[in-house]
C-alpha atoms as a PDB file:
ATOM      1  CA  UNK A   1      90.517 131.463 112.984  1.00  0.00           C
ATOM      2  CA  UNK A   2      88.081 129.714 115.944  1.00  0.00           C
ATOM      3  CA  UNK A   3      85.336 128.813 113.610  1.00  0.00           C
ATOM      4  CA  UNK A   4      83.338 126.665 116.397  1.00  0.00           C
ATOM      5  CA  UNK A   5      83.984 123.290 114.392  1.00  0.00           C
ATOM      6  CA  UNK A   6      84.451 120.069 116.313  1.00  0.00           C
ATOM      7  CA  UNK A   7      87.208 118.634 114.486  1.00  0.00           C
ATOM      8  CA  UNK A   8      87.654 115.903 116.097  1.00  0.00           C
ATOM      9  CA  UNK A   9      83.888 114.544 115.887  1.00  0.00           C
ATOM     10  CA  UNK A  10      84.274 115.473 112.133  1.00  0.00           C
ATOM     11  CA  UNK A  11      87.510 113.414 111.598  1.00  0.00           C
ATOM     12  CA  UNK A  12      85.439 110.513 113.489  1.00  0.00           C
ATOM     13  CA  UNK A  13      82.675 110.945 110.906  1.00  0.00           C
ATOM     14  CA  UNK A  14      84.767 111.451 107.958  1.00  0.00           C
ATOM     15  CA  UNK A  15      86.961 108.358 108.924  1.00  0.00           C
ATOM     16  CA  UNK A  16      84.048 106.228 109.877  1.00  0.00           C
ATOM     17  CA  UNK A  17      82.412 107.471 106.064  1.00  0.00           C
ATOM     18  CA  UNK A  18      85.733 106.351 104.513  1.00  0.00           C
ATOM     19  CA  UNK A  19      86.009 103.054 106.180  1.00  0.00           C
ATOM     20  CA  UNK A  20      82.260 102.391 105.186  1.00  0.00           C
ATOM     21  CA  UNK A  21      82.898 102.708 101.306  1.00  0.00           C
ATOM     22  CA  UNK A  22      86.389 100.721 100.881  1.00  0.00           C
ATOM     23  CA  UNK A  23      85.073  97.318 101.192  1.00  0.00           C
ATOM     24  CA  UNK A  24      82.659  98.149  98.058  1.00  0.00           C
ATOM     25  CA  UNK A  25      85.551 100.160  96.316  1.00  0.00           C
ATOM     26  CA  UNK A  26      87.278  98.227  93.398  1.00  0.00           C
ATOM     27  CA  UNK A  27      91.021  98.510  94.883  1.00  0.00           C
ATOM     28  CA  UNK A  28      91.856  98.354  91.049  1.00  0.00           C
ATOM     29  CA  UNK A  29      89.991 101.639  90.187  1.00  0.00           C
ATOM     30  CA  UNK A  30      91.567 104.454  89.503  1.00  0.00           C
ATOM     31  CA  UNK A  31      91.317 107.434  91.358  1.00  0.00           C
ATOM     32  CA  UNK A  32      90.159 110.801  89.449  1.00  0.00           C
ATOM     33  CA  UNK A  33      92.275 113.649  89.334  1.00  0.00           C
ATOM     34  CA  UNK A  34      95.453 111.751  91.412  1.00  0.00           C
ATOM     35  CA  UNK A  35      97.259 110.722  88.677  1.00  0.00           C
ATOM     36  CA  UNK A  36      98.237 107.014  88.395  1.00  0.00           C
ATOM     37  CA  UNK A  37      96.599 106.085  91.803  1.00  0.00           C
ATOM     38  CA  UNK A  38      94.158 103.489  92.267  1.00  0.00           C
ATOM     39  CA  UNK A  39      91.978 102.996  94.831  1.00  0.00           C
ATOM     40  CA  UNK A  40      94.386 100.803  96.996  1.00  0.00           C
ATOM     41  CA  UNK A  41      97.026 103.509  97.264  1.00  0.00           C
ATOM     42  CA  UNK A  42      94.626 105.986  98.272  1.00  0.00           C
ATOM     43  CA  UNK A  43      93.424 103.546 100.840  1.00  0.00           C
ATOM     44  CA  UNK A  44      97.036 102.772 102.527  1.00  0.00           C
ATOM     45  CA  UNK A  45      97.942 106.540 101.712  1.00  0.00           C
ATOM     46  CA  UNK A  46      95.550 107.916 104.145  1.00  0.00           C
ATOM     47  CA  UNK A  47      95.976 105.076 106.619  1.00  0.00           C
ATOM     48  CA  UNK A  48      99.964 105.411 106.651  1.00  0.00           C
ATOM     49  CA  UNK A  49      98.972 109.725 106.827  1.00  0.00           C
ATOM     50  CA  UNK A  50      96.803 108.843 110.016  1.00  0.00           C
ATOM     51  CA  UNK A  51      99.976 106.629 111.476  1.00  0.00           C
ATOM     52  CA  UNK A  52     102.170 109.331 110.898  1.00  0.00           C
ATOM     53  CA  UNK A  53     100.136 112.458 112.163  1.00  0.00           C
ATOM     54  CA  UNK A  54      99.696 110.224 115.483  1.00  0.00           C
ATOM     55  CA  UNK A  55     103.372 109.947 115.795  1.00  0.00           C
ATOM     56  CA  UNK A  56     103.636 113.824 115.067  1.00  0.00           C
ATOM     57  CA  UNK A  57     101.170 114.667 117.337  1.00  0.00           C
ATOM     58  CA  UNK A  58     102.939 112.826 120.096  1.00  0.00           C
ATOM     59  CA  UNK A  59     106.433 114.413 118.961  1.00  0.00           C
ATOM     60  CA  UNK A  60     107.781 111.059 117.945  1.00  0.00           C
ATOM     61  CA  UNK A  61     109.013 108.782 114.836  1.00  0.00           C
ATOM     62  CA  UNK A  62     106.392 106.848 113.690  1.00  0.00           C
ATOM     63  CA  UNK A  63     107.104 103.081 113.374  1.00  0.00           C
ATOM     64  CA  UNK A  64     107.669 101.917 109.834  1.00  0.00           C
ATOM     65  CA  UNK A  65     104.468  99.888 108.664  1.00  0.00           C
ATOM     66  CA  UNK A  66     105.923  98.103 105.756  1.00  0.00           C
ATOM     67  CA  UNK A  67     105.603  98.029 102.027  1.00  0.00           C
ATOM     68  CA  UNK A  68     102.268  96.021 101.920  1.00  0.00           C
ATOM     69  CA  UNK A  69      99.929  94.766 100.461  1.00  0.00           C
ATOM     70  CA  UNK A  70      97.557  95.360 103.351  1.00  0.00           C
ATOM     71  CA  UNK A  71      93.830  93.952 103.719  1.00  0.00           C
ATOM     72  CA  UNK A  72      92.681  97.362 103.334  1.00  0.00           C
ATOM     73  CA  UNK A  73      89.449  97.765 105.405  1.00  0.00           C
ATOM     74  CA  UNK A  74      91.298  96.433 108.665  1.00  0.00           C
ATOM     75  CA  UNK A  75      94.283  98.493 107.649  1.00  0.00           C
ATOM     76  CA  UNK A  76      92.438 101.740 107.464  1.00  0.00           C
ATOM     77  CA  UNK A  77      90.466 101.009 110.725  1.00  0.00           C
ATOM     78  CA  UNK A  78      93.641  99.996 112.830  1.00  0.00           C
ATOM     79  CA  UNK A  79      95.338 103.420 112.283  1.00  0.00           C
ATOM     80  CA  UNK A  80      92.324 105.550 112.176  1.00  0.00           C
ATOM     81  CA  UNK A  81      91.361 104.293 115.381  1.00  0.00           C
ATOM     82  CA  UNK A  82      95.180 105.080 116.322  1.00  0.00           C
ATOM     83  CA  UNK A  83      95.007 108.849 115.187  1.00  0.00           C
ATOM     84  CA  UNK A  84      91.470 109.185 117.145  1.00  0.00           C
ATOM     85  CA  UNK A  85      92.769 107.843 120.378  1.00  0.00           C
ATOM     86  CA  UNK A  86      96.021 109.681 120.525  1.00  0.00           C
ATOM     87  CA  UNK A  87      93.869 112.960 119.535  1.00  0.00           C
ATOM     88  CA  UNK A  88      91.520 112.366 121.803  1.00  0.00           C
ATOM     89  CA  UNK A  89      94.391 111.560 125.159  1.00  0.00           C
ATOM     90  CA  UNK A  90      96.521 114.392 124.413  1.00  0.00           C
ATOM     91  CA  UNK A  91      96.272 117.970 125.574  1.00  0.00           C
ATOM     92  CA  UNK A  92      95.010 119.935 122.386  1.00  0.00           C
ATOM     93  CA  UNK A  93      97.341 123.129 123.672  1.00  0.00           C
ATOM     94  CA  UNK A  94     100.368 120.427 124.056  1.00  0.00           C
ATOM     95  CA  UNK A  95     103.375 121.364 121.817  1.00  0.00           C
ATOM     96  CA  UNK A  96     103.368 119.151 118.692  1.00  0.00           C
ATOM     97  CA  UNK A  97     105.818 118.571 115.581  1.00  0.00           C
ATOM     98  CA  UNK A  98     103.573 120.040 112.780  1.00  0.00           C
ATOM     99  CA  UNK A  99     103.612 121.423 109.287  1.00  0.00           C
ATOM    100  CA  UNK A 100     104.286 125.177 110.865  1.00  0.00           C
ATOM    101  CA  UNK A 101     107.549 126.781 112.100  1.00  0.00           C
ATOM    102  CA  UNK A 102     108.795 124.915 114.966  1.00  0.00           C
ATOM    103  CA  UNK A 103     108.432 127.980 117.296  1.00  0.00           C
ATOM    104  CA  UNK A 104     104.883 129.127 115.599  1.00  0.00           C
ATOM    105  CA  UNK A 105     102.260 129.423 118.410  1.00  0.00           C
ATOM    106  CA  UNK A 106     100.008 126.929 116.449  1.00  0.00           C
ATOM    107  CA  UNK A 107     102.626 123.757 116.655  1.00  0.00           C
ATOM    108  CA  UNK A 108     100.131 121.892 119.064  1.00  0.00           C
ATOM    109  CA  UNK A 109      98.326 119.035 119.148  1.00  0.00           C
ATOM    110  CA  UNK A 110      95.283 120.941 118.229  1.00  0.00           C
ATOM    111  CA  UNK A 111      96.776 121.623 114.979  1.00  0.00           C
ATOM    112  CA  UNK A 112      96.294 117.796 114.116  1.00  0.00           C
ATOM    113  CA  UNK A 113      92.750 118.069 115.065  1.00  0.00           C
ATOM    114  CA  UNK A 114      92.135 120.084 111.756  1.00  0.00           C
ATOM    115  CA  UNK A 115      94.693 119.052 109.672  1.00  0.00           C
ATOM    116  CA  UNK A 116      93.513 115.446 109.589  1.00  0.00           C
ATOM    117  CA  UNK A 117      90.066 116.343 109.662  1.00  0.00           C
ATOM    118  CA  UNK A 118      90.730 117.814 106.075  1.00  0.00           C
ATOM    119  CA  UNK A 119      93.405 115.104 104.760  1.00  0.00           C
ATOM    120  CA  UNK A 120      90.474 112.941 105.456  1.00  0.00           C
ATOM    121  CA  UNK A 121      87.408 114.892 103.808  1.00  0.00           C
ATOM    122  CA  UNK A 122      89.576 115.376 100.159  1.00  0.00           C
ATOM    123  CA  UNK A 123      90.582 111.692 100.602  1.00  0.00           C
ATOM    124  CA  UNK A 124      86.701 110.880 101.417  1.00  0.00           C
ATOM    125  CA  UNK A 125      85.791 112.668  98.023  1.00  0.00           C
ATOM    126  CA  UNK A 126      88.417 110.700  95.979  1.00  0.00           C
ATOM    127  CA  UNK A 127      87.090 107.832  97.127  1.00  0.00           C
ATOM    128  CA  UNK A 128      83.731 108.681  96.237  1.00  0.00           C
ATOM    129  CA  UNK A 129      84.876 109.740  92.873  1.00  0.00           C
ATOM    130  CA  UNK A 130      86.611 106.730  92.504  1.00  0.00           C
ATOM    131  CA  UNK A 131      83.491 104.816  92.925  1.00  0.00           C
ATOM    132  CA  UNK A 132      81.493 107.522  90.626  1.00  0.00           C
ATOM    133  CA  UNK A 133      79.539 109.100  93.644  1.00  0.00           C
ATOM    134  CA  UNK A 134      79.881 112.571  95.211  1.00  0.00           C
ATOM    135  CA  UNK A 135      80.282 114.049  99.131  1.00  0.00           C
ATOM    136  CA  UNK A 136      77.157 115.924  99.461  1.00  0.00           C
ATOM    137  CA  UNK A 137      76.426 115.701 102.922  1.00  0.00           C
ATOM    138  CA  UNK A 138      79.372 117.928 104.413  1.00  0.00           C
ATOM    139  CA  UNK A 139      78.161 121.763 105.775  1.00  0.00           C
ATOM    140  CA  UNK A 140      79.427 124.526 103.440  1.00  0.00           C
ATOM    141  CA  UNK A 141      81.016 125.585 106.908  1.00  0.00           C
ATOM    142  CA  UNK A 142      83.484 122.665 106.672  1.00  0.00           C
ATOM    143  CA  UNK A 143      84.494 123.053 103.110  1.00  0.00           C
ATOM    144  CA  UNK A 144      84.932 126.665 103.849  1.00  0.00           C
ATOM    145  CA  UNK A 145      87.293 125.863 106.583  1.00  0.00           C
ATOM    146  CA  UNK A 146      89.209 123.453 103.832  1.00  0.00           C
ATOM    147  CA  UNK A 147      89.928 126.551 101.706  1.00  0.00           C
ATOM    148  CA  UNK A 148      91.171 128.524 104.906  1.00  0.00           C
ATOM    149  CA  UNK A 149      93.484 125.890 105.441  1.00  0.00           C
ATOM    150  CA  UNK A 150      94.637 125.642 102.239  1.00  0.00           C
ATOM    151  CA  UNK A 151      94.775 129.981 101.961  1.00  0.00           C
ATOM    152  CA  UNK A 152      96.424 130.412 105.198  1.00  0.00           C
ATOM    153  CA  UNK A 153      98.556 127.173 106.093  1.00  0.00           C
ATOM    154  CA  UNK A 154      99.564 124.607 103.127  1.00  0.00           C
ATOM    155  CA  UNK A 155     100.158 127.104 100.108  1.00  0.00           C
ATOM    156  CA  UNK A 156     102.350 129.588 102.211  1.00  0.00           C
ATOM    157  CA  UNK A 157     104.197 126.414 103.761  1.00  0.00           C
ATOM    158  CA  UNK A 158     104.585 125.425  99.954  1.00  0.00           C
ATOM    159  CA  UNK A 159     106.270 128.877  99.284  1.00  0.00           C
ATOM    160  CA  UNK A 160     108.115 128.850 102.335  1.00  0.00           C
ATOM    161  CA  UNK A 161     109.604 125.298 101.428  1.00  0.00           C
ATOM    162  CA  UNK A 162     110.217 126.449  97.383  1.00  0.00           C
ATOM    163  CA  UNK A 163     107.981 124.417  95.737  1.00  0.00           C
ATOM    164  CA  UNK A 164     106.056 127.023  94.590  1.00  0.00           C
ATOM    165  CA  UNK A 165     106.200 130.702  93.891  1.00  0.00           C
ATOM    166  CA  UNK A 166     104.335 133.157  95.790  1.00  0.00           C
ATOM    167  CA  UNK A 167     100.888 134.628  94.211  1.00  0.00           C
ATOM    168  CA  UNK A 168     102.144 137.480  92.554  1.00  0.00           C
ATOM    169  CA  UNK A 169      98.535 138.446  91.283  1.00  0.00           C
ATOM    170  CA  UNK A 170      96.111 138.332  94.227  1.00  0.00           C
ATOM    171  CA  UNK A 171      92.638 136.969  93.874  1.00  0.00           C
ATOM    172  CA  UNK A 172      89.686 137.189  96.084  1.00  0.00           C
ATOM    173  CA  UNK A 173      87.971 133.753  96.850  1.00  0.00           C
ATOM    174  CA  UNK A 174      84.402 134.542  97.541  1.00  0.00           C
ATOM    175  CA  UNK A 175      82.251 131.059  98.982  1.00  0.00           C
ATOM    176  CA  UNK A 176      78.891 132.068  98.087  1.00  0.00           C
ATOM    177  CA  UNK A 177      77.487 129.520 100.385  1.00  0.00           C
ATOM    178  CA  UNK A 178      79.358 130.109 103.648  1.00  0.00           C
ATOM    179  CA  UNK A 179      79.637 133.782 103.441  1.00  0.00           C
ATOM    180  CA  UNK A 180      83.617 133.972 104.002  1.00  0.00           C
ATOM    181  CA  UNK A 181      86.046 135.429 101.838  1.00  0.00           C
ATOM    182  CA  UNK A 182      89.781 135.208 101.584  1.00  0.00           C
ATOM    183  CA  UNK A 183      92.895 137.134  99.710  1.00  0.00           C
ATOM    184  CA  UNK A 184      95.013 134.663  98.036  1.00  0.00           C
ATOM    185  CA  UNK A 185      98.247 136.374  97.827  1.00  0.00           C
ATOM    186  CA  UNK A 186      99.281 139.693  99.110  1.00  0.00           C
ATOM    187  CA  UNK A 187      98.246 143.036  97.744  1.00  0.00           C
ATOM    188  CA  UNK A 188      95.386 144.098  95.996  1.00  0.00           C
ATOM    189  CA  UNK A 189      93.011 141.717  94.326  1.00  0.00           C
ATOM    190  CA  UNK A 190      92.701 141.820  90.324  1.00  0.00           C
ATOM    191  CA  UNK A 191      89.884 139.209  90.455  1.00  0.00           C
ATOM    192  CA  UNK A 192      87.164 137.885  92.444  1.00  0.00           C
ATOM    193  CA  UNK A 193      86.043 134.158  92.215  1.00  0.00           C
ATOM    194  CA  UNK A 194      83.010 132.865  93.284  1.00  0.00           C
ATOM    195  CA  UNK A 195      81.528 129.721  94.231  1.00  0.00           C
ATOM    196  CA  UNK A 196      80.286 127.192  96.934  1.00  0.00           C
ATOM    197  CA  UNK A 197      82.859 126.190  99.289  1.00  0.00           C
ATOM    198  CA  UNK A 198      83.142 122.958  98.013  1.00  0.00           C
ATOM    199  CA  UNK A 199      83.894 123.890  94.734  1.00  0.00           C
ATOM    200  CA  UNK A 200      86.254 126.093  95.992  1.00  0.00           C
ATOM    201  CA  UNK A 201      88.091 123.617  97.991  1.00  0.00           C
ATOM    202  CA  UNK A 202      88.184 121.096  95.423  1.00  0.00           C
ATOM    203  CA  UNK A 203      89.686 123.101  93.039  1.00  0.00           C
ATOM    204  CA  UNK A 204      92.433 124.499  95.507  1.00  0.00           C
ATOM    205  CA  UNK A 205      93.067 120.899  95.897  1.00  0.00           C
ATOM    206  CA  UNK A 206      93.775 120.124  92.351  1.00  0.00           C
ATOM    207  CA  UNK A 207      90.296 117.831  92.362  1.00  0.00           C
ATOM    208  CA  UNK A 208      88.282 119.737  90.096  1.00  0.00           C
ATOM    209  CA  UNK A 209      89.527 122.351  87.228  1.00  0.00           C
ATOM    210  CA  UNK A 210      87.733 126.221  87.933  1.00  0.00           C
ATOM    211  CA  UNK A 211      85.460 125.519  84.650  1.00  0.00           C
ATOM    212  CA  UNK A 212      84.431 121.919  86.432  1.00  0.00           C
ATOM    213  CA  UNK A 213      83.604 123.693  89.362  1.00  0.00           C
ATOM    214  CA  UNK A 214      81.212 126.061  87.754  1.00  0.00           C
ATOM    215  CA  UNK A 215      83.244 129.090  89.515  1.00  0.00           C
ATOM    216  CA  UNK A 216      82.436 132.765  88.440  1.00  0.00           C
ATOM    217  CA  UNK A 217      85.252 134.790  87.907  1.00  0.00           C
ATOM    218  CA  UNK A 218      85.263 138.683  87.613  1.00  0.00           C
ATOM    219  CA  UNK A 219      88.487 140.605  86.880  1.00  0.00           C
ATOM    220  CA  UNK A 220      91.518 139.106  85.056  1.00  0.00           C
ATOM    221  CA  UNK A 221      90.865 135.342  84.607  1.00  0.00           C
ATOM    222  CA  UNK A 222      94.201 134.720  84.065  1.00  0.00           C
ATOM    223  CA  UNK A 223      95.141 135.280  87.550  1.00  0.00           C
ATOM    224  CA  UNK A 224      93.113 132.605  88.878  1.00  0.00           C
ATOM    225  CA  UNK A 225      95.383 129.956  86.469  1.00  0.00           C
ATOM    226  CA  UNK A 226      98.413 131.600  87.418  1.00  0.00           C
ATOM    227  CA  UNK A 227      97.333 131.491  91.493  1.00  0.00           C
ATOM    228  CA  UNK A 228      96.764 127.883  90.939  1.00  0.00           C
ATOM    229  CA  UNK A 229      99.887 126.991  89.067  1.00  0.00           C
ATOM    230  CA  UNK A 230     102.438 124.430  91.077  1.00  0.00           C
ATOM    231  CA  UNK A 231     101.983 122.666  94.050  1.00  0.00           C
ATOM    232  CA  UNK A 232      99.955 125.008  96.158  1.00  0.00           C
ATOM    233  CA  UNK A 233      99.242 122.085  98.501  1.00  0.00           C
ATOM    234  CA  UNK A 234     101.500 118.968  99.135  1.00  0.00           C
END
């Protein structure tokens, strides 16, 4: 969907916000909702993902970065800049390796503009959470795009790879502050889930439970639980 968002500008903004917080974050601090991860794991993960995505956009295998440990701020800054430079250099409509099927028309460099924007936004939330803060300056339209990516790209890919089953009792997701809605699953919906776009996105990414996010469910509440069951995102 062409939502008018400038994903490259958003990516740069979110990378800058992430990097600005790294020096003040305790590398040993746990990252809420991310299992055994500590801040060090989070920062290294996002730097590695940027490096990998830059190679995917160029249709090349990435150069191994080694096991570390790394000096976190310089490590992240280097690979954030690598990704930005790569995406700025390449034609957005050029073919790329992506998370889609190789013959999918969407398998272009532009895919990585969006994917890395949302990867960075979700992990920016994680880093803020590890520091006892919240990301509260991101427009609802951006969070709504995060929801859209999960519903239309990430969860269908997980189903395709056999990592999770299809949503058998579809639910309607409504972003109350963004004027958008989605059908999560195929067929007639049995429940409608309403919440601000940020809360919907964080629920889909497993960062908050529906109860923590304060979602309102009309219809069968168990349908939402079943829809969220399993690895709907990587």
